[in-house]
Amino acid sequence: MVGPISRRDRDTANRRLKMGFVALVAGSAGLVTLSVDPTPVQFFGALVGGALVSILLLRYVIGILDQLRKST
């Protein structure tokens, strides 16, 4: 029988999901940059830019979800 998920396990899963999202978006930005033969600086700039954009997007989505959770 399966019991409820502990708070610690839930926090760990949420943290891993957030890190995976950031890695996915940042990696995608880097891979798109590879299609135009970038310099190493441009490639790493795209990775950093993708990471920043994904963090901002993640904060925005989490903010909306928190508002929805509090309203119900």
N, C-alpha and C. Protein backbone atom coordinates (compact mmCIF):
# COMPACT_ATOMS: atom_id res chain seq x y z
N MET A 1 0.84 -1.17 0.00
CA MET A 1 0.00 0.00 0.00
C MET A 1 0.89 1.25 0.00
N VAL A 2 0.46 2.24 -0.69
CA VAL A 2 1.24 3.47 -0.83
C VAL A 2 0.68 4.52 0.12
N GLY A 3 1.57 5.16 0.88
CA GLY A 3 1.15 6.20 1.81
C GLY A 3 1.30 7.58 1.18
N PRO A 4 0.98 8.60 1.92
CA PRO A 4 1.11 9.97 1.39
C PRO A 4 2.59 10.34 1.21
N ILE A 5 2.82 11.27 0.32
CA ILE A 5 4.18 11.75 0.04
C ILE A 5 4.59 12.71 1.15
N SER A 6 5.79 12.52 1.66
CA SER A 6 6.27 13.42 2.72
C SER A 6 6.58 14.79 2.14
N ARG A 7 6.60 15.79 2.99
CA ARG A 7 6.89 17.16 2.58
C ARG A 7 8.30 17.25 1.98
N ARG A 8 9.24 16.52 2.58
CA ARG A 8 10.62 16.52 2.08
C ARG A 8 10.70 15.93 0.67
N ASP A 9 10.01 14.82 0.44
CA ASP A 9 10.01 14.21 -0.89
C ASP A 9 9.33 15.12 -1.92
N ARG A 10 8.27 15.79 -1.51
CA ARG A 10 7.58 16.71 -2.41
C ARG A 10 8.47 17.89 -2.78
N ASP A 11 9.17 18.45 -1.79
CA ASP A 11 10.09 19.57 -2.06
C ASP A 11 11.23 19.14 -2.98
N THR A 12 11.75 17.94 -2.76
CA THR A 12 12.83 17.42 -3.61
C THR A 12 12.35 17.25 -5.04
N ALA A 13 11.17 16.69 -5.22
CA ALA A 13 10.62 16.49 -6.56
C ALA A 13 10.37 17.83 -7.25
N ASN A 14 9.84 18.81 -6.52
CA ASN A 14 9.60 20.13 -7.10
C ASN A 14 10.90 20.80 -7.53
N ARG A 15 11.93 20.68 -6.69
CA ARG A 15 13.22 21.28 -7.02
C ARG A 15 13.82 20.64 -8.28
N ARG A 16 13.72 19.32 -8.37
CA ARG A 16 14.25 18.62 -9.55
C ARG A 16 13.48 18.99 -10.80
N LEU A 17 12.17 19.15 -10.68
CA LEU A 17 11.35 19.54 -11.82
C LEU A 17 11.73 20.94 -12.30
N LYS A 18 11.94 21.86 -11.37
CA LYS A 18 12.33 23.22 -11.74
C LYS A 18 13.71 23.23 -12.41
N MET A 19 14.66 22.49 -11.85
CA MET A 19 16.00 22.44 -12.45
C MET A 19 15.96 21.81 -13.83
N GLY A 20 15.13 20.79 -14.01
CA GLY A 20 14.98 20.16 -15.31
C GLY A 20 14.40 21.11 -16.34
N PHE A 21 13.41 21.91 -15.92
CA PHE A 21 12.81 22.89 -16.82
C PHE A 21 13.84 23.92 -17.27
N VAL A 22 14.62 24.43 -16.32
CA VAL A 22 15.65 25.42 -16.65
C VAL A 22 16.69 24.81 -17.58
N ALA A 23 17.11 23.59 -17.31
CA ALA A 23 18.10 22.92 -18.16
C ALA A 23 17.55 22.68 -19.57
N LEU A 24 16.29 22.31 -19.66
CA LEU A 24 15.67 22.06 -20.96
C LEU A 24 15.62 23.32 -21.82
N VAL A 25 15.16 24.42 -21.24
CA VAL A 25 15.06 25.67 -22.00
C VAL A 25 16.44 26.21 -22.35
N ALA A 26 17.37 26.18 -21.39
CA ALA A 26 18.72 26.67 -21.66
C ALA A 26 19.41 25.80 -22.71
N GLY A 27 19.26 24.50 -22.60
CA GLY A 27 19.85 23.60 -23.60
C GLY A 27 19.25 23.81 -24.97
N SER A 28 17.97 24.08 -25.02
CA SER A 28 17.31 24.34 -26.29
C SER A 28 17.88 25.60 -26.95
N ALA A 29 18.09 26.64 -26.14
CA ALA A 29 18.68 27.87 -26.69
C ALA A 29 20.08 27.61 -27.23
N GLY A 30 20.85 26.81 -26.52
CA GLY A 30 22.19 26.47 -27.00
C GLY A 30 22.16 25.67 -28.28
N LEU A 31 21.24 24.70 -28.37
CA LEU A 31 21.15 23.88 -29.58
C LEU A 31 20.68 24.68 -30.79
N VAL A 32 19.76 25.61 -30.57
CA VAL A 32 19.32 26.46 -31.69
C VAL A 32 20.49 27.30 -32.19
N THR A 33 21.32 27.77 -31.27
CA THR A 33 22.48 28.57 -31.65
C THR A 33 23.46 27.76 -32.49
N LEU A 34 23.56 26.47 -32.22
CA LEU A 34 24.50 25.64 -32.98
C LEU A 34 24.14 25.56 -34.47
N SER A 35 22.90 25.85 -34.81
CA SER A 35 22.49 25.76 -36.21
C SER A 35 23.09 26.87 -37.07
N VAL A 36 23.64 27.92 -36.44
CA VAL A 36 24.22 29.02 -37.21
C VAL A 36 25.73 29.14 -37.01
N ASP A 37 26.38 28.05 -36.55
CA ASP A 37 27.83 27.99 -36.38
C ASP A 37 28.35 29.13 -35.50
N PRO A 38 28.01 29.11 -34.20
CA PRO A 38 28.41 30.22 -33.31
C PRO A 38 29.85 30.07 -32.83
N THR A 39 30.38 31.16 -32.32
CA THR A 39 31.64 31.10 -31.60
C THR A 39 31.35 30.54 -30.21
N PRO A 40 32.37 30.08 -29.50
CA PRO A 40 32.12 29.58 -28.14
C PRO A 40 31.46 30.61 -27.22
N VAL A 41 31.84 31.88 -27.37
CA VAL A 41 31.25 32.93 -26.55
C VAL A 41 29.76 33.08 -26.86
N GLN A 42 29.41 33.03 -28.13
CA GLN A 42 28.00 33.13 -28.51
C GLN A 42 27.21 31.93 -28.00
N PHE A 43 27.80 30.75 -28.09
CA PHE A 43 27.12 29.55 -27.62
C PHE A 43 26.84 29.62 -26.13
N PHE A 44 27.87 29.96 -25.34
CA PHE A 44 27.67 30.05 -23.88
C PHE A 44 26.77 31.22 -23.52
N GLY A 45 26.81 32.28 -24.32
CA GLY A 45 25.88 33.39 -24.10
C GLY A 45 24.45 32.96 -24.31
N ALA A 46 24.23 32.14 -25.32
CA ALA A 46 22.88 31.62 -25.56
C ALA A 46 22.43 30.71 -24.42
N LEU A 47 23.35 29.90 -23.89
CA LEU A 47 23.01 29.05 -22.74
C LEU A 47 22.63 29.89 -21.52
N VAL A 48 23.42 30.91 -21.25
CA VAL A 48 23.14 31.78 -20.09
C VAL A 48 21.84 32.55 -20.31
N GLY A 49 21.66 33.07 -21.51
CA GLY A 49 20.43 33.79 -21.83
C GLY A 49 19.21 32.89 -21.72
N GLY A 50 19.33 31.67 -22.21
CA GLY A 50 18.24 30.72 -22.10
C GLY A 50 17.92 30.38 -20.66
N ALA A 51 18.96 30.26 -19.85
CA ALA A 51 18.75 29.98 -18.42
C ALA A 51 18.04 31.14 -17.74
N LEU A 52 18.43 32.37 -18.05
CA LEU A 52 17.78 33.53 -17.45
C LEU A 52 16.32 33.63 -17.87
N VAL A 53 16.05 33.42 -19.15
CA VAL A 53 14.67 33.47 -19.63
C VAL A 53 13.83 32.38 -18.99
N SER A 54 14.40 31.19 -18.87
CA SER A 54 13.63 30.10 -18.28
C SER A 54 13.36 30.34 -16.80
N ILE A 55 14.29 30.94 -16.08
CA ILE A 55 14.06 31.26 -14.67
C ILE A 55 12.94 32.29 -14.54
N LEU A 56 12.96 33.31 -15.38
CA LEU A 56 11.89 34.31 -15.35
C LEU A 56 10.54 33.68 -15.69
N LEU A 57 10.51 32.84 -16.70
CA LEU A 57 9.27 32.17 -17.09
C LEU A 57 8.78 31.26 -15.97
N LEU A 58 9.68 30.55 -15.34
CA LEU A 58 9.32 29.66 -14.24
C LEU A 58 8.74 30.44 -13.07
N ARG A 59 9.35 31.55 -12.72
CA ARG A 59 8.83 32.38 -11.62
C ARG A 59 7.44 32.91 -11.96
N TYR A 60 7.22 33.30 -13.21
CA TYR A 60 5.92 33.81 -13.64
C TYR A 60 4.85 32.72 -13.53
N VAL A 61 5.14 31.54 -14.02
CA VAL A 61 4.17 30.45 -13.99
C VAL A 61 3.89 30.02 -12.55
N ILE A 62 4.91 29.94 -11.73
CA ILE A 62 4.71 29.56 -10.33
C ILE A 62 3.87 30.61 -9.61
N GLY A 63 4.08 31.87 -9.91
CA GLY A 63 3.26 32.93 -9.32
C GLY A 63 1.79 32.79 -9.68
N ILE A 64 1.52 32.48 -10.95
CA ILE A 64 0.13 32.29 -11.38
C ILE A 64 -0.47 31.08 -10.68
N LEU A 65 0.28 29.99 -10.61
CA LEU A 65 -0.23 28.79 -9.95
C LEU A 65 -0.49 29.01 -8.46
N ASP A 66 0.37 29.79 -7.81
CA ASP A 66 0.14 30.10 -6.40
C ASP A 66 -1.13 30.91 -6.21
N GLN A 67 -1.39 31.86 -7.11
CA GLN A 67 -2.63 32.65 -7.02
C GLN A 67 -3.84 31.77 -7.22
N LEU A 68 -3.76 30.84 -8.17
CA LEU A 68 -4.88 29.94 -8.40
C LEU A 68 -5.11 29.02 -7.20
N ARG A 69 -4.04 28.56 -6.60
CA ARG A 69 -4.15 27.67 -5.44
C ARG A 69 -4.79 28.40 -4.26
N LYS A 70 -4.42 29.67 -4.06
CA LYS A 70 -4.98 30.43 -2.94
C LYS A 70 -6.43 30.83 -3.17
N SER A 71 -6.84 30.97 -4.41
CA SER A 71 -8.22 31.38 -4.70
C SER A 71 -9.22 30.25 -4.58
N THR A 72 -8.75 29.01 -4.57
CA THR A 72 -9.70 27.88 -4.46
C THR A 72 -9.78 27.34 -3.06
